[in-house]
Amino acid sequence: MAIACLNCGSSSIKAAVFVGPQLQRIVDARVEALGSPSASVSVGSTREALDSSVTPGAAAERLLSAIATQVDEPIVALAHRVVHGGEHFTRPTRVTDDVVTVLDDLSRLAPLHNPPAIAAIRAARVAFPAILHFALFDTAFHTTLPRRSREYALPRNIREQGIRRFGFHGISHEHVMRRVAATMHADARDLRIISCHLGNGASVAAIEYGRSVDTSMGMTPLEGLVMGTRAGDVDPGVLLEMLRSHAPQEVDALLTRKSGLIGLTGTNDMRVIEQRAAEGDEDCRLALNVYSHRVRKYLGAYAASMGGVDAIAFTGGIGENSALVRHRCLQRLDFLGAVLDEDRNRDGLVEHDDCTEISADGSRVRLFVLRADEERAMAEAIAPLVDSNRTQPISMKIPIAVSARHAHLTQATLEQLFGPGFQLSTRAHLSQTGQFAADQTVTLIGPRGRLDKVRLMGPPRQENQIEISRSDEFTLGVDAPVRMSGDLANTPGITLEGPHGRVTLTSGVIAARRHIHMSVDDAKRLGVRDHEVVSVRIDSKDRDLTFNDVSVRVAPSFRLELHLDTDEANAAGVKQGDTAELIVTR
């Protein structure tokens, strides 16, 4: 079985073929400088010129035909990278005519990238109608963005038109997360990683415990870092001023094709800029300073927003190949515990699918450079979907449990609040084996307000954990991160009041991440794994919602149940005992 991957950029197309259960890479091919006199197609070591009039669709078809001749096994599936999936597409999706129609409409949000990708999809479906085609989206990894980093400060009626931050380079950022975690011999869910994808397009992502929580690109790929031809962050007042003297299409062309490095220096080739800067070109020196300063600002901001950082990684054409840019971006970050080893940085060339450490011995924050390999990440994502018996959605009705605010406390804390030797008494047994709601309650006291009669849960735990909703955050005046139960690092504290006294906790307050409990048998039947993220559709009388960021928890004693907090349940118009539909796209 062979899987092919097609990665379309604005002026280039990369392709690769993988075979076997280990996804061995057997063919690499690419089209470069598409639409220019220097356009060419390369398959392995063979390279030939392309006519500058060749369209993206025709180039993709030619590339796929060329790689098909290099593969002995039949190609059974083709993965297509698409930059913008909007709100519609949050996971690998089987390509249909309806999917292509929706993608056409999204092209206005990514005018440099979506149109050539869609052209390639159309050409590939015509050339290879018998194989499975899947679209993978750069925006999908960022569906976990919390509202505070997802929403713009605009009126509600504007935001309800779909004006929000999506983020991009998600396939690359997720690949970075997995490779860095593997290199550190750690679980990504235990790490805070800042991923820097620096190429002609560039973005930074804050990845907190396996989830994207912030990223520099916004509704479109124009926001954020300085890029090859895009300006990145610009005062909106500048754009308004430009619109007074330029037509909208002129401003669009200026922002997407004539700004960034090319606007500052006349070229978007960082190698040329570095050479000219070394020779004294002041425009190129300015470009290097502006470029690295913008990256460094985001590094500091994301370290602050996550409450620290464990690893910073560089990838993409510039991130992989420019020791000078990495050096400048990492300057003056010693206060974070990020210390660069200059010799390792200069020697930090990465081989295929490799990850090289460039931090100094003793650096608390580990620094890495790794080769961008979106094609492998794409193949890994669709490999489980290829089985012809699992290409359609599997659905299953599951009961919903609505969790109000509650507290799990240690025996020591219980005795401080209720007196020596205190034992919880059972009010009601919960559906999960051995757990119960207690008769007792406590009061939560925060910087802003208090919540009375917060139910205690039993039996006592090894760590204190307080679970509240988003609306409770505002009442109390705390900022609780969205976490799975037990993940309490870098969480805020709270004061508890009971009949015997008060206890002030220094940590332990979370907003529970929505999750599904299921038994081992249920997980096997559905083909899902512990900690996998799935989608859940809730069809209610008043409102239909799909939750895309639902974590699966598997244990022999678990009973099948979707856990939502009161805010989410109210938004979906559901109550305790209603059912939802679990969707696993395979």
Protein backbone atom coordinates (compact mmCIF):
# COMPACT_ATOMS: atom_id res chain seq x y z
CA MET A 1 0.00 0.00 0.00
CA ALA A 2 1.35 3.41 -0.99
CA ILE A 3 0.18 6.84 0.19
CA ALA A 4 1.03 9.96 -1.80
CA CYS A 5 1.06 13.48 -0.39
CA LEU A 6 0.70 16.72 -2.34
CA ASN A 7 1.76 19.95 -0.63
CA CYS A 8 0.88 23.01 -2.71
CA GLY A 9 2.37 26.39 -1.91
CA SER A 10 1.85 29.69 -3.70
CA SER A 11 4.62 29.03 -6.24
CA SER A 12 5.84 25.52 -5.44
CA ILE A 13 4.45 22.02 -5.09
CA LYS A 14 6.07 19.26 -3.04
CA ALA A 15 5.11 15.61 -3.28
CA ALA A 16 6.20 12.41 -1.56
CA VAL A 17 5.21 8.75 -1.50
CA PHE A 18 5.25 6.54 1.59
CA VAL A 19 4.85 2.76 1.77
CA GLY A 20 4.35 0.13 4.43
CA PRO A 21 3.20 0.28 8.04
CA GLN A 22 6.30 2.31 8.97
CA LEU A 23 5.57 4.80 6.17
CA GLN A 24 8.94 4.45 4.49
CA ARG A 25 9.59 7.42 2.21
CA ILE A 26 10.49 6.15 -1.26
CA VAL A 27 9.94 9.10 -3.62
CA ASP A 28 10.37 12.88 -3.34
CA ALA A 29 9.39 15.31 -6.06
CA ARG A 30 8.74 19.02 -6.41
CA VAL A 31 7.77 21.83 -8.74
CA GLU A 32 9.59 25.11 -8.10
CA ALA A 33 9.16 28.71 -9.28
CA LEU A 34 5.77 27.91 -10.79
CA GLY A 35 4.66 30.61 -13.24
CA SER A 36 8.16 32.03 -13.74
CA PRO A 37 10.75 31.50 -16.48
CA SER A 38 12.81 29.35 -14.10
CA ALA A 39 9.96 26.92 -13.36
CA SER A 40 11.08 23.30 -13.09
CA VAL A 41 9.93 19.86 -12.00
CA SER A 42 12.19 17.45 -10.10
CA VAL A 43 11.61 13.78 -9.34
CA GLY A 44 14.44 12.29 -7.32
CA SER A 45 17.65 13.46 -8.96
CA THR A 46 16.00 14.14 -12.33
CA ARG A 47 15.13 17.74 -13.12
CA GLU A 48 13.59 19.36 -16.18
CA ALA A 49 12.28 22.79 -17.10
CA LEU A 50 8.61 23.70 -17.09
CA ASP A 51 6.93 26.24 -19.31
CA SER A 52 6.06 29.37 -17.33
CA SER A 53 2.45 29.12 -18.53
CA VAL A 54 1.84 25.77 -16.79
CA THR A 55 -1.03 26.10 -14.30
CA PRO A 56 -0.94 24.72 -10.75
CA GLY A 57 -3.45 22.04 -11.71
CA ALA A 58 -1.46 20.91 -14.73
CA ALA A 59 1.80 21.00 -12.74
CA ALA A 60 0.26 18.87 -9.98
CA GLU A 61 -1.04 16.35 -12.50
CA ARG A 62 2.37 16.11 -14.14
CA LEU A 63 4.08 15.70 -10.78
CA LEU A 64 1.71 12.93 -9.70
CA SER A 65 2.05 11.10 -13.00
CA ALA A 66 5.83 11.23 -12.67
CA ILE A 67 5.94 9.84 -9.14
CA ALA A 68 3.41 7.11 -9.99
CA THR A 69 5.96 5.64 -12.43
CA GLN A 70 8.50 5.43 -9.58
CA VAL A 71 6.31 3.31 -7.31
CA ASP A 72 5.86 -0.45 -7.64
CA GLU A 73 2.91 -0.63 -5.26
CA PRO A 74 -0.45 0.90 -6.15
CA ILE A 75 -1.16 4.35 -4.70
CA VAL A 76 -4.38 3.92 -2.71
CA ALA A 77 -4.74 7.39 -1.19
CA LEU A 78 -3.64 10.95 -1.81
CA ALA A 79 -3.39 13.61 0.90
CA HIS A 80 -3.75 17.26 -0.13
CA ARG A 81 -2.58 20.14 2.06
CA VAL A 82 -5.04 23.04 2.15
CA VAL A 83 -4.10 26.21 4.02
CA HIS A 84 -7.51 27.52 5.10
CA GLY A 85 -10.27 25.22 6.30
CA GLY A 86 -12.31 27.94 8.00
CA GLU A 87 -14.84 26.80 10.59
CA HIS A 88 -15.98 23.94 8.37
CA PHE A 89 -12.95 21.64 8.37
CA THR A 90 -11.19 20.70 11.60
CA ARG A 91 -9.71 17.29 10.75
CA PRO A 92 -8.63 15.23 7.70
CA THR A 93 -11.64 15.18 5.38
CA ARG A 94 -12.57 12.91 2.47
CA VAL A 95 -12.72 15.09 -0.64
CA THR A 96 -16.10 15.29 -2.37
CA ASP A 97 -17.64 17.73 -4.84
CA ASP A 98 -19.35 19.51 -1.93
CA VAL A 99 -16.05 19.84 -0.06
CA VAL A 100 -14.40 21.42 -3.11
CA THR A 101 -17.28 23.91 -3.40
CA VAL A 102 -16.81 25.04 0.22
CA LEU A 103 -13.05 25.32 -0.30
CA ASP A 104 -13.64 27.57 -3.30
CA ASP A 105 -15.56 29.95 -1.07
CA LEU A 106 -12.71 30.01 1.47
CA SER A 107 -10.16 31.07 -1.16
CA ARG A 108 -10.81 34.74 -0.39
CA LEU A 109 -9.24 34.18 3.05
CA ALA A 110 -6.04 32.63 1.67
CA PRO A 111 -5.71 33.97 -1.88
CA LEU A 112 -2.08 32.93 -2.32
CA HIS A 113 -2.52 29.32 -1.22
CA ASN A 114 -6.05 27.93 -1.42
CA PRO A 115 -6.58 28.47 -5.20
CA PRO A 116 -3.53 26.45 -6.32
CA ALA A 117 -4.33 23.72 -3.80
CA ILE A 118 -7.92 23.49 -5.08
CA ALA A 119 -6.70 23.43 -8.67
CA ALA A 120 -4.37 20.56 -7.77
CA ILE A 121 -7.20 18.69 -6.03
CA ARG A 122 -9.42 18.99 -9.08
CA ALA A 123 -6.67 17.84 -11.42
CA ALA A 124 -5.70 14.93 -9.17
CA ARG A 125 -9.29 13.70 -8.82
CA VAL A 126 -9.62 13.64 -12.60
CA ALA A 127 -6.25 11.96 -13.13
CA PHE A 128 -6.69 9.44 -10.27
CA PRO A 129 -10.45 8.92 -9.82
CA ALA A 130 -10.15 5.44 -8.27
CA ILE A 131 -8.11 6.35 -5.19
CA LEU A 132 -9.12 8.03 -1.94
CA HIS A 133 -8.48 11.77 -1.72
CA PHE A 134 -8.21 13.51 1.66
CA ALA A 135 -7.77 17.20 2.44
CA LEU A 136 -5.73 18.23 5.48
CA PHE A 137 -5.93 21.76 6.80
CA ASP A 138 -3.33 24.11 8.23
CA THR A 139 -6.03 25.64 10.42
CA ALA A 140 -7.13 22.34 12.02
CA PHE A 141 -4.41 22.15 14.69
CA HIS A 142 -5.49 25.53 16.02
CA THR A 143 -9.13 24.60 16.70
CA THR A 144 -8.10 24.31 20.35
CA LEU A 145 -7.40 28.05 20.63
CA PRO A 146 -9.19 29.40 23.72
CA ARG A 147 -11.61 32.25 23.13
CA ARG A 148 -9.26 34.82 24.62
CA SER A 149 -6.73 34.20 21.85
CA ARG A 150 -9.25 33.32 19.14
CA GLU A 151 -11.54 36.37 19.24
CA TYR A 152 -10.91 39.87 17.96
CA ALA A 153 -12.14 42.83 20.03
CA LEU A 154 -14.93 43.58 17.56
CA PRO A 155 -18.72 43.93 18.00
CA ARG A 156 -20.61 40.67 18.36
CA ASN A 157 -22.49 41.09 15.06
CA ILE A 158 -19.16 41.28 13.21
CA ARG A 159 -17.66 38.31 15.03
CA GLU A 160 -20.77 36.25 14.30
CA GLN A 161 -19.99 36.62 10.59
CA GLY A 162 -17.01 34.33 11.09
CA ILE A 163 -14.47 37.08 11.75
CA ARG A 164 -12.06 35.39 14.14
CA ARG A 165 -8.49 34.09 14.38
CA PHE A 166 -7.84 30.68 12.81
CA GLY A 167 -4.05 30.28 12.70
CA PHE A 168 -2.02 28.44 10.05
CA HIS A 169 0.98 26.14 9.52
CA GLY A 170 -0.87 23.72 11.80
CA ILE A 171 0.44 20.61 10.03
CA SER A 172 3.99 21.84 10.58
CA HIS A 173 3.45 22.99 14.17
CA GLU A 174 1.88 19.65 15.12
CA HIS A 175 4.82 17.82 13.52
CA VAL A 176 7.22 20.01 15.54
CA MET A 177 5.33 19.22 18.74
CA ARG A 178 5.54 15.47 18.17
CA ARG A 179 9.20 15.44 17.11
CA VAL A 180 10.33 17.66 19.99
CA ALA A 181 8.42 15.56 22.52
CA ALA A 182 9.96 12.36 21.09
CA THR A 183 13.46 13.87 21.19
CA MET A 184 12.94 14.90 24.81
CA HIS A 185 11.56 11.43 25.64
CA ALA A 186 8.46 13.10 27.01
CA ASP A 187 4.73 13.23 26.39
CA ALA A 188 3.66 16.38 24.52
CA ARG A 189 0.89 16.72 27.11
CA ASP A 190 3.58 17.44 29.71
CA LEU A 191 5.38 20.16 27.72
CA ARG A 192 5.06 23.83 26.85
CA ILE A 193 6.54 24.28 23.37
CA ILE A 194 6.94 27.37 21.20
CA SER A 195 7.15 26.32 17.56
CA CYS A 196 8.66 28.79 15.06
CA HIS A 197 7.89 27.99 11.42
CA LEU A 198 10.08 30.48 9.56
CA GLY A 199 9.90 30.36 5.79
CA ASN A 200 8.46 32.52 3.04
CA GLY A 201 5.35 32.26 5.19
CA ALA A 202 6.11 32.42 8.90
CA SER A 203 4.26 31.89 12.16
CA VAL A 204 4.85 31.09 15.82
CA ALA A 205 2.60 28.78 17.86
CA ALA A 206 2.27 28.42 21.62
CA ILE A 207 1.60 24.74 22.31
CA GLU A 208 0.60 24.13 25.91
CA TYR A 209 0.40 20.51 27.02
CA GLY A 210 -0.40 19.17 23.54
CA ARG A 211 -2.82 21.91 22.46
CA SER A 212 -2.36 25.04 20.42
CA VAL A 213 -3.33 27.93 22.71
CA ASP A 214 -2.07 30.88 20.63
CA THR A 215 -0.51 31.55 17.25
CA SER A 216 0.74 34.60 15.41
CA MET A 217 -1.37 34.33 12.23
CA GLY A 218 -5.01 35.33 12.47
CA MET A 219 -8.11 35.10 10.28
CA THR A 220 -5.79 35.11 7.27
CA PRO A 221 -2.06 34.38 6.87
CA LEU A 222 -1.35 38.15 6.84
CA GLU A 223 -1.16 38.67 10.61
CA GLY A 224 1.91 38.18 12.78
CA LEU A 225 5.56 37.86 11.81
CA VAL A 226 7.39 39.59 8.99
CA MET A 227 7.29 37.17 6.03
CA GLY A 228 8.73 36.86 2.56
CA THR A 229 6.14 39.06 0.85
CA ARG A 230 3.72 39.80 3.72
CA ALA A 231 4.10 42.61 6.25
CA GLY A 232 2.67 40.79 9.27
CA ASP A 233 1.36 42.97 12.10
CA VAL A 234 0.40 46.44 10.84
CA ASP A 235 -1.55 49.20 12.57
CA PRO A 236 -5.09 49.06 11.07
CA GLY A 237 -4.88 52.84 10.83
CA VAL A 238 -2.14 52.42 8.23
CA LEU A 239 -4.47 50.29 6.13
CA LEU A 240 -7.27 52.84 6.41
CA GLU A 241 -4.88 55.55 5.30
CA MET A 242 -3.79 53.45 2.32
CA LEU A 243 -7.40 52.82 1.31
CA ARG A 244 -7.94 56.57 1.00
CA SER A 245 -5.53 56.69 -1.94
CA HIS A 246 -5.47 53.08 -3.24
CA ALA A 247 -8.14 50.69 -4.48
CA PRO A 248 -8.82 47.68 -2.20
CA GLN A 249 -7.28 45.27 -4.71
CA GLU A 250 -4.11 47.38 -4.77
CA VAL A 251 -3.87 47.28 -0.98
CA ASP A 252 -4.49 43.52 -1.08
CA ALA A 253 -1.65 43.03 -3.58
CA LEU A 254 0.64 45.29 -1.55
CA LEU A 255 0.03 43.40 1.70
CA THR A 256 0.25 39.89 0.25
CA ARG A 257 2.89 40.19 -2.49
CA LYS A 258 4.94 43.37 -2.11
CA SER A 259 5.61 43.75 1.63
CA GLY A 260 7.65 41.89 4.24
CA LEU A 261 11.24 41.08 3.29
CA ILE A 262 10.69 41.88 -0.37
CA GLY A 263 9.23 45.26 0.56
CA LEU A 264 12.17 46.08 2.81
CA THR A 265 14.95 44.82 0.55
CA GLY A 266 13.64 43.94 -2.91
CA THR A 267 14.14 40.20 -2.34
CA ASN A 268 12.49 37.56 -0.18
CA ASP A 269 15.52 35.25 -0.25
CA MET A 270 17.03 35.33 3.24
CA ARG A 271 20.35 33.99 1.91
CA VAL A 272 20.68 37.03 -0.36
CA ILE A 273 19.61 39.37 2.45
CA GLU A 274 22.24 37.96 4.82
CA GLN A 275 24.95 38.28 2.18
CA ARG A 276 24.00 41.86 1.32
CA ALA A 277 23.78 42.78 5.00
CA ALA A 278 27.31 41.46 5.53
CA GLU A 279 28.45 43.69 2.67
CA GLY A 280 26.97 46.79 4.34
CA ASP A 281 23.50 47.08 2.77
CA GLU A 282 21.50 49.07 5.35
CA ASP A 283 18.10 47.96 4.02
CA CYS A 284 19.07 44.32 4.51
CA ARG A 285 20.46 45.02 7.97
CA LEU A 286 17.18 46.69 8.88
CA ALA A 287 15.22 43.73 7.49
CA LEU A 288 17.19 41.28 9.65
CA ASN A 289 16.62 43.41 12.74
CA VAL A 290 12.89 43.85 12.12
CA TYR A 291 12.43 40.17 11.26
CA SER A 292 14.21 38.80 14.34
CA HIS A 293 12.74 41.43 16.68
CA ARG A 294 9.22 40.40 15.72
CA VAL A 295 9.98 36.72 16.37
CA ARG A 296 11.60 37.52 19.72
CA LYS A 297 8.55 39.54 20.80
CA TYR A 298 6.30 36.57 20.18
CA LEU A 299 8.65 34.21 22.02
CA GLY A 300 8.50 36.38 25.12
CA ALA A 301 4.75 36.87 24.87
CA TYR A 302 4.00 33.17 24.52
CA ALA A 303 6.34 32.21 27.35
CA ALA A 304 4.41 34.66 29.54
CA SER A 305 0.97 33.48 28.41
CA MET A 306 1.84 29.82 29.12
CA GLY A 307 3.52 30.60 32.43
CA GLY A 308 6.86 29.36 31.13
CA VAL A 309 8.30 27.32 28.27
CA ASP A 310 10.11 23.97 28.12
CA ALA A 311 11.26 24.00 24.49
CA ILE A 312 11.61 26.40 21.56
CA ALA A 313 11.94 24.87 18.10
CA PHE A 314 12.77 26.32 14.67
CA THR A 315 11.66 24.84 11.35
CA GLY A 316 10.86 25.98 7.81
CA GLY A 317 13.33 27.11 5.15
CA ILE A 318 14.75 30.00 7.19
CA GLY A 319 14.33 28.37 10.59
CA GLU A 320 16.23 25.28 9.43
CA ASN A 321 18.99 26.92 7.41
CA SER A 322 19.80 30.31 8.92
CA ALA A 323 22.00 30.11 12.02
CA LEU A 324 22.15 33.92 11.97
CA VAL A 325 18.36 34.31 12.20
CA ARG A 326 18.12 31.75 15.00
CA HIS A 327 20.92 33.55 16.87
CA ARG A 328 19.18 36.92 16.57
CA CYS A 329 15.76 35.55 17.53
CA LEU A 330 17.15 33.94 20.69
CA GLN A 331 19.21 36.89 21.87
CA ARG A 332 18.42 38.28 25.34
CA LEU A 333 16.24 35.32 26.35
CA ASP A 334 18.56 34.21 29.16
CA PHE A 335 15.99 35.48 31.66
CA LEU A 336 13.67 32.70 30.45
CA GLY A 337 16.39 30.11 30.92
CA ALA A 338 16.89 29.82 27.14
CA VAL A 339 20.62 29.77 26.45
CA LEU A 340 21.92 29.15 22.93
CA ASP A 341 25.13 27.21 22.28
CA GLU A 342 26.69 29.17 19.44
CA ASP A 343 28.80 26.29 18.15
CA ARG A 344 25.83 23.93 18.07
CA ASN A 345 23.75 26.60 16.39
CA ARG A 346 26.32 27.13 13.63
CA ASP A 347 26.56 23.37 13.13
CA GLY A 348 22.81 22.84 13.53
CA LEU A 349 22.12 21.45 10.08
CA VAL A 350 19.32 18.93 10.02
CA GLU A 351 19.14 15.82 7.95
CA HIS A 352 15.86 14.44 6.68
CA ASP A 353 13.27 14.11 9.47
CA ASP A 354 15.89 14.92 12.07
CA CYS A 355 15.75 17.09 15.16
CA THR A 356 18.96 18.72 16.42
CA GLU A 357 19.43 20.40 19.80
CA ILE A 358 21.19 23.78 19.80
CA SER A 359 20.81 24.80 23.44
CA ALA A 360 23.76 25.10 25.78
CA ASP A 361 24.41 22.53 28.49
CA GLY A 362 22.42 23.59 31.52
CA SER A 363 19.88 25.63 29.54
CA ARG A 364 16.56 25.19 31.31
CA VAL A 365 14.68 25.75 28.05
CA ARG A 366 15.79 23.30 25.38
CA LEU A 367 16.30 24.73 21.89
CA PHE A 368 15.88 22.70 18.70
CA VAL A 369 16.09 23.00 14.94
CA LEU A 370 14.31 20.43 12.80
CA ARG A 371 13.50 19.81 9.21
CA ALA A 372 9.98 20.72 8.14
CA ASP A 373 8.29 17.55 6.93
CA GLU A 374 4.66 18.33 6.32
CA GLU A 375 4.40 15.45 3.85
CA ARG A 376 5.25 12.83 6.50
CA ALA A 377 2.85 14.46 8.94
CA MET A 378 0.13 14.29 6.27
CA ALA A 379 0.83 10.61 5.57
CA GLU A 380 0.71 9.80 9.28
CA ALA A 381 -2.62 11.59 9.60
CA ILE A 382 -4.42 9.73 6.80
CA ALA A 383 -2.82 6.30 7.19
CA PRO A 384 -5.51 5.17 9.70
CA LEU A 385 -8.23 6.45 7.35
CA VAL A 386 -7.27 4.47 4.30
CA ASP A 387 -8.99 1.18 5.12
CA SER A 388 -11.93 1.09 2.72
CA ASN A 389 -14.17 -0.22 5.49
CA ARG A 390 -13.54 2.91 7.58
CA THR A 391 -13.82 5.79 5.11
CA GLN A 392 -17.22 6.88 6.32
CA PRO A 393 -18.05 8.48 9.68
CA ILE A 394 -18.75 6.12 12.56
CA SER A 395 -21.32 7.48 14.94
CA MET A 396 -22.59 6.45 18.35
CA LYS A 397 -25.07 7.94 20.76
CA ILE A 398 -23.63 8.59 24.21
CA PRO A 399 -25.25 9.97 27.37
CA ILE A 400 -24.32 13.46 28.55
CA ALA A 401 -23.32 14.26 32.12
CA VAL A 402 -23.43 17.94 33.10
CA SER A 403 -20.79 18.81 35.68
CA ALA A 404 -21.45 21.77 37.93
CA ARG A 405 -18.59 23.41 39.85
CA HIS A 406 -17.10 21.01 42.39
CA ALA A 407 -13.99 20.22 44.42
CA HIS A 408 -11.77 17.19 44.96
CA LEU A 409 -9.74 17.63 48.15
CA THR A 410 -7.04 15.81 50.04
CA GLN A 411 -7.76 14.31 53.45
CA ALA A 412 -5.44 16.88 55.05
CA THR A 413 -7.35 19.77 53.49
CA LEU A 414 -10.70 18.24 54.49
CA GLU A 415 -9.55 18.06 58.11
CA GLN A 416 -8.44 21.70 58.04
CA LEU A 417 -11.89 22.73 56.80
CA PHE A 418 -14.08 20.32 58.79
CA GLY A 419 -11.98 19.23 61.75
CA PRO A 420 -9.62 16.37 62.72
CA GLY A 421 -10.67 12.88 61.66
CA PHE A 422 -13.38 14.18 59.31
CA GLN A 423 -14.81 11.76 56.72
CA LEU A 424 -16.95 12.63 53.68
CA SER A 425 -20.46 11.18 53.64
CA THR A 426 -22.17 10.04 50.44
CA ARG A 427 -24.99 12.09 48.96
CA ALA A 428 -25.19 10.23 45.63
CA HIS A 429 -23.07 7.68 43.80
CA LEU A 430 -21.70 8.80 40.42
CA SER A 431 -21.75 6.77 37.22
CA GLN A 432 -17.96 6.29 37.32
CA THR A 433 -17.10 3.40 39.61
CA GLY A 434 -16.14 4.31 43.17
CA GLN A 435 -16.85 8.04 42.90
CA PHE A 436 -19.57 9.92 44.74
CA ALA A 437 -20.98 13.37 45.39
CA ALA A 438 -20.65 14.17 49.08
CA ASP A 439 -23.19 15.74 51.41
CA GLN A 440 -20.67 18.44 52.29
CA THR A 441 -19.98 21.72 50.50
CA VAL A 442 -17.42 24.53 50.82
CA THR A 443 -17.21 28.17 49.84
CA LEU A 444 -14.74 29.35 47.18
CA ILE A 445 -13.29 32.81 47.77
CA GLY A 446 -11.41 34.54 44.95
CA PRO A 447 -9.89 37.98 44.42
CA ARG A 448 -13.19 39.36 43.13
CA GLY A 449 -16.01 37.35 44.70
CA ARG A 450 -17.17 34.12 46.28
CA LEU A 451 -19.22 31.03 45.43
CA ASP A 452 -21.14 29.28 48.20
CA LYS A 453 -22.22 25.64 48.48
CA VAL A 454 -19.66 24.16 46.09
CA ARG A 455 -20.16 20.40 46.19
CA LEU A 456 -17.32 18.14 47.37
CA MET A 457 -16.56 14.89 45.55
CA GLY A 458 -15.22 11.69 47.04
CA PRO A 459 -13.18 9.82 47.81
CA PRO A 460 -10.33 12.17 48.86
CA ARG A 461 -7.52 12.63 46.33
CA GLN A 462 -3.76 12.99 46.48
CA GLU A 463 -3.97 16.61 45.21
CA ASN A 464 -6.51 19.38 45.68
CA GLN A 465 -8.44 20.15 42.47
CA ILE A 466 -11.20 22.72 42.03
CA GLU A 467 -13.24 22.57 38.79
CA ILE A 468 -15.16 25.69 37.77
CA SER A 469 -16.84 27.03 34.63
CA ARG A 470 -15.93 30.10 32.57
CA SER A 471 -18.73 32.13 34.14
CA ASP A 472 -17.42 31.13 37.58
CA GLU A 473 -14.02 32.57 36.62
CA PHE A 474 -15.52 36.04 36.31
CA THR A 475 -17.41 35.71 39.56
CA LEU A 476 -14.27 34.70 41.44
CA GLY A 477 -11.77 36.81 39.50
CA VAL A 478 -9.43 33.96 38.53
CA ASP A 479 -8.11 32.77 35.17
CA ALA A 480 -8.41 28.99 35.17
CA PRO A 481 -6.73 27.10 32.31
CA VAL A 482 -8.68 24.43 30.44
CA ARG A 483 -7.16 21.15 31.61
CA MET A 484 -7.83 17.45 31.99
CA SER A 485 -8.34 16.24 35.54
CA GLY A 486 -5.03 15.92 37.38
CA ASP A 487 -3.12 18.34 35.14
CA LEU A 488 -2.52 21.04 37.74
CA ALA A 489 0.87 22.55 36.88
CA ASN A 490 0.87 26.36 36.65
CA THR A 491 -2.76 26.69 37.75
CA PRO A 492 -4.10 29.47 39.99
CA GLY A 493 -5.00 29.02 43.62
CA ILE A 494 -8.12 29.85 45.62
CA THR A 495 -9.26 30.19 49.24
CA LEU A 496 -11.61 27.52 50.62
CA GLU A 497 -13.89 28.11 53.59
CA GLY A 498 -15.49 25.36 55.66
CA PRO A 499 -17.22 25.18 59.04
CA HIS A 500 -13.92 24.60 60.89
CA GLY A 501 -11.68 27.12 59.11
CA ARG A 502 -10.11 28.44 55.90
CA VAL A 503 -7.40 27.04 53.61
CA THR A 504 -5.65 29.02 50.88
CA LEU A 505 -4.43 26.86 48.00
CA THR A 506 -1.56 28.06 45.82
CA SER A 507 -2.73 26.05 42.79
CA GLY A 508 -5.36 23.57 41.67
CA VAL A 509 -8.12 25.59 39.97
CA ILE A 510 -9.02 24.44 36.44
CA ALA A 511 -11.82 24.66 33.91
CA ALA A 512 -12.37 21.03 32.99
CA ARG A 513 -11.68 20.15 29.39
CA ARG A 514 -14.66 18.47 27.78
CA HIS A 515 -14.06 14.73 27.62
CA ILE A 516 -15.62 11.32 27.14
CA HIS A 517 -15.20 8.44 29.54
CA MET A 518 -15.38 5.04 27.86
CA SER A 519 -14.48 1.46 28.60
CA VAL A 520 -11.75 -0.48 26.83
CA ASP A 521 -14.41 -2.39 24.87
CA ASP A 522 -16.08 0.84 23.70
CA ALA A 523 -12.70 2.22 22.60
CA LYS A 524 -11.89 -0.93 20.62
CA ARG A 525 -15.28 -0.96 18.93
CA LEU A 526 -14.90 2.69 17.86
CA GLY A 527 -11.23 2.45 17.00
CA VAL A 528 -10.22 5.33 19.28
CA ARG A 529 -7.37 5.54 21.76
CA ASP A 530 -6.91 6.98 25.21
CA HIS A 531 -6.30 10.75 24.97
CA GLU A 532 -7.35 10.88 21.30
CA VAL A 533 -9.29 14.03 20.34
CA VAL A 534 -12.63 13.50 18.62
CA SER A 535 -15.73 15.47 17.62
CA VAL A 536 -19.15 15.34 19.24
CA ARG A 537 -22.37 16.51 17.64
CA ILE A 538 -25.17 17.64 19.90
CA ASP A 539 -28.60 18.01 18.30
CA SER A 540 -30.90 19.88 20.65
CA LYS A 541 -34.28 21.47 20.20
CA ASP A 542 -32.93 25.02 20.36
CA ARG A 543 -29.40 24.79 18.93
CA ASP A 544 -27.19 22.29 17.10
CA LEU A 545 -23.52 22.38 18.03
CA THR A 546 -20.40 20.40 17.21
CA PHE A 547 -17.61 20.28 19.78
CA ASN A 548 -14.35 19.50 17.97
CA ASP A 549 -11.96 19.41 20.90
CA VAL A 550 -13.19 16.45 22.96
CA SER A 551 -10.61 14.25 24.66
CA VAL A 552 -11.17 10.51 25.03
CA ARG A 553 -10.37 8.90 28.40
CA VAL A 554 -10.26 5.09 28.43
CA ALA A 555 -10.18 2.81 31.48
CA PRO A 556 -11.63 -0.63 32.26
CA SER A 557 -13.92 0.80 34.94
CA PHE A 558 -15.22 3.76 32.93
CA ARG A 559 -18.82 3.95 31.83
CA LEU A 560 -19.58 5.65 28.49
CA GLU A 561 -20.38 9.30 29.20
CA LEU A 562 -19.70 12.75 27.75
CA HIS A 563 -18.81 15.31 30.42
CA LEU A 564 -19.71 18.97 29.77
CA ASP A 565 -19.65 21.82 32.25
CA THR A 566 -22.75 23.89 32.91
CA ASP A 567 -21.77 26.70 30.52
CA GLU A 568 -21.29 24.31 27.60
CA ALA A 569 -24.48 22.41 28.39
CA ASN A 570 -26.46 25.65 28.52
CA ALA A 571 -24.97 26.79 25.22
CA ALA A 572 -26.00 23.50 23.60
CA GLY A 573 -29.43 23.52 25.24
CA VAL A 574 -28.96 20.08 26.81
CA LYS A 575 -29.52 18.67 30.27
CA GLN A 576 -28.36 15.72 32.33
CA GLY A 577 -29.30 12.45 30.63
CA ASP A 578 -29.58 13.80 27.07
CA THR A 579 -27.52 12.08 24.40
CA ALA A 580 -24.93 13.24 21.90
CA GLU A 581 -23.33 11.67 18.84
CA LEU A 582 -19.67 10.77 18.86
CA ILE A 583 -18.11 11.19 15.44
CA VAL A 584 -14.82 9.55 14.55
CA THR A 585 -13.86 10.24 10.93
CA ARG A 586 -11.95 7.24 9.61
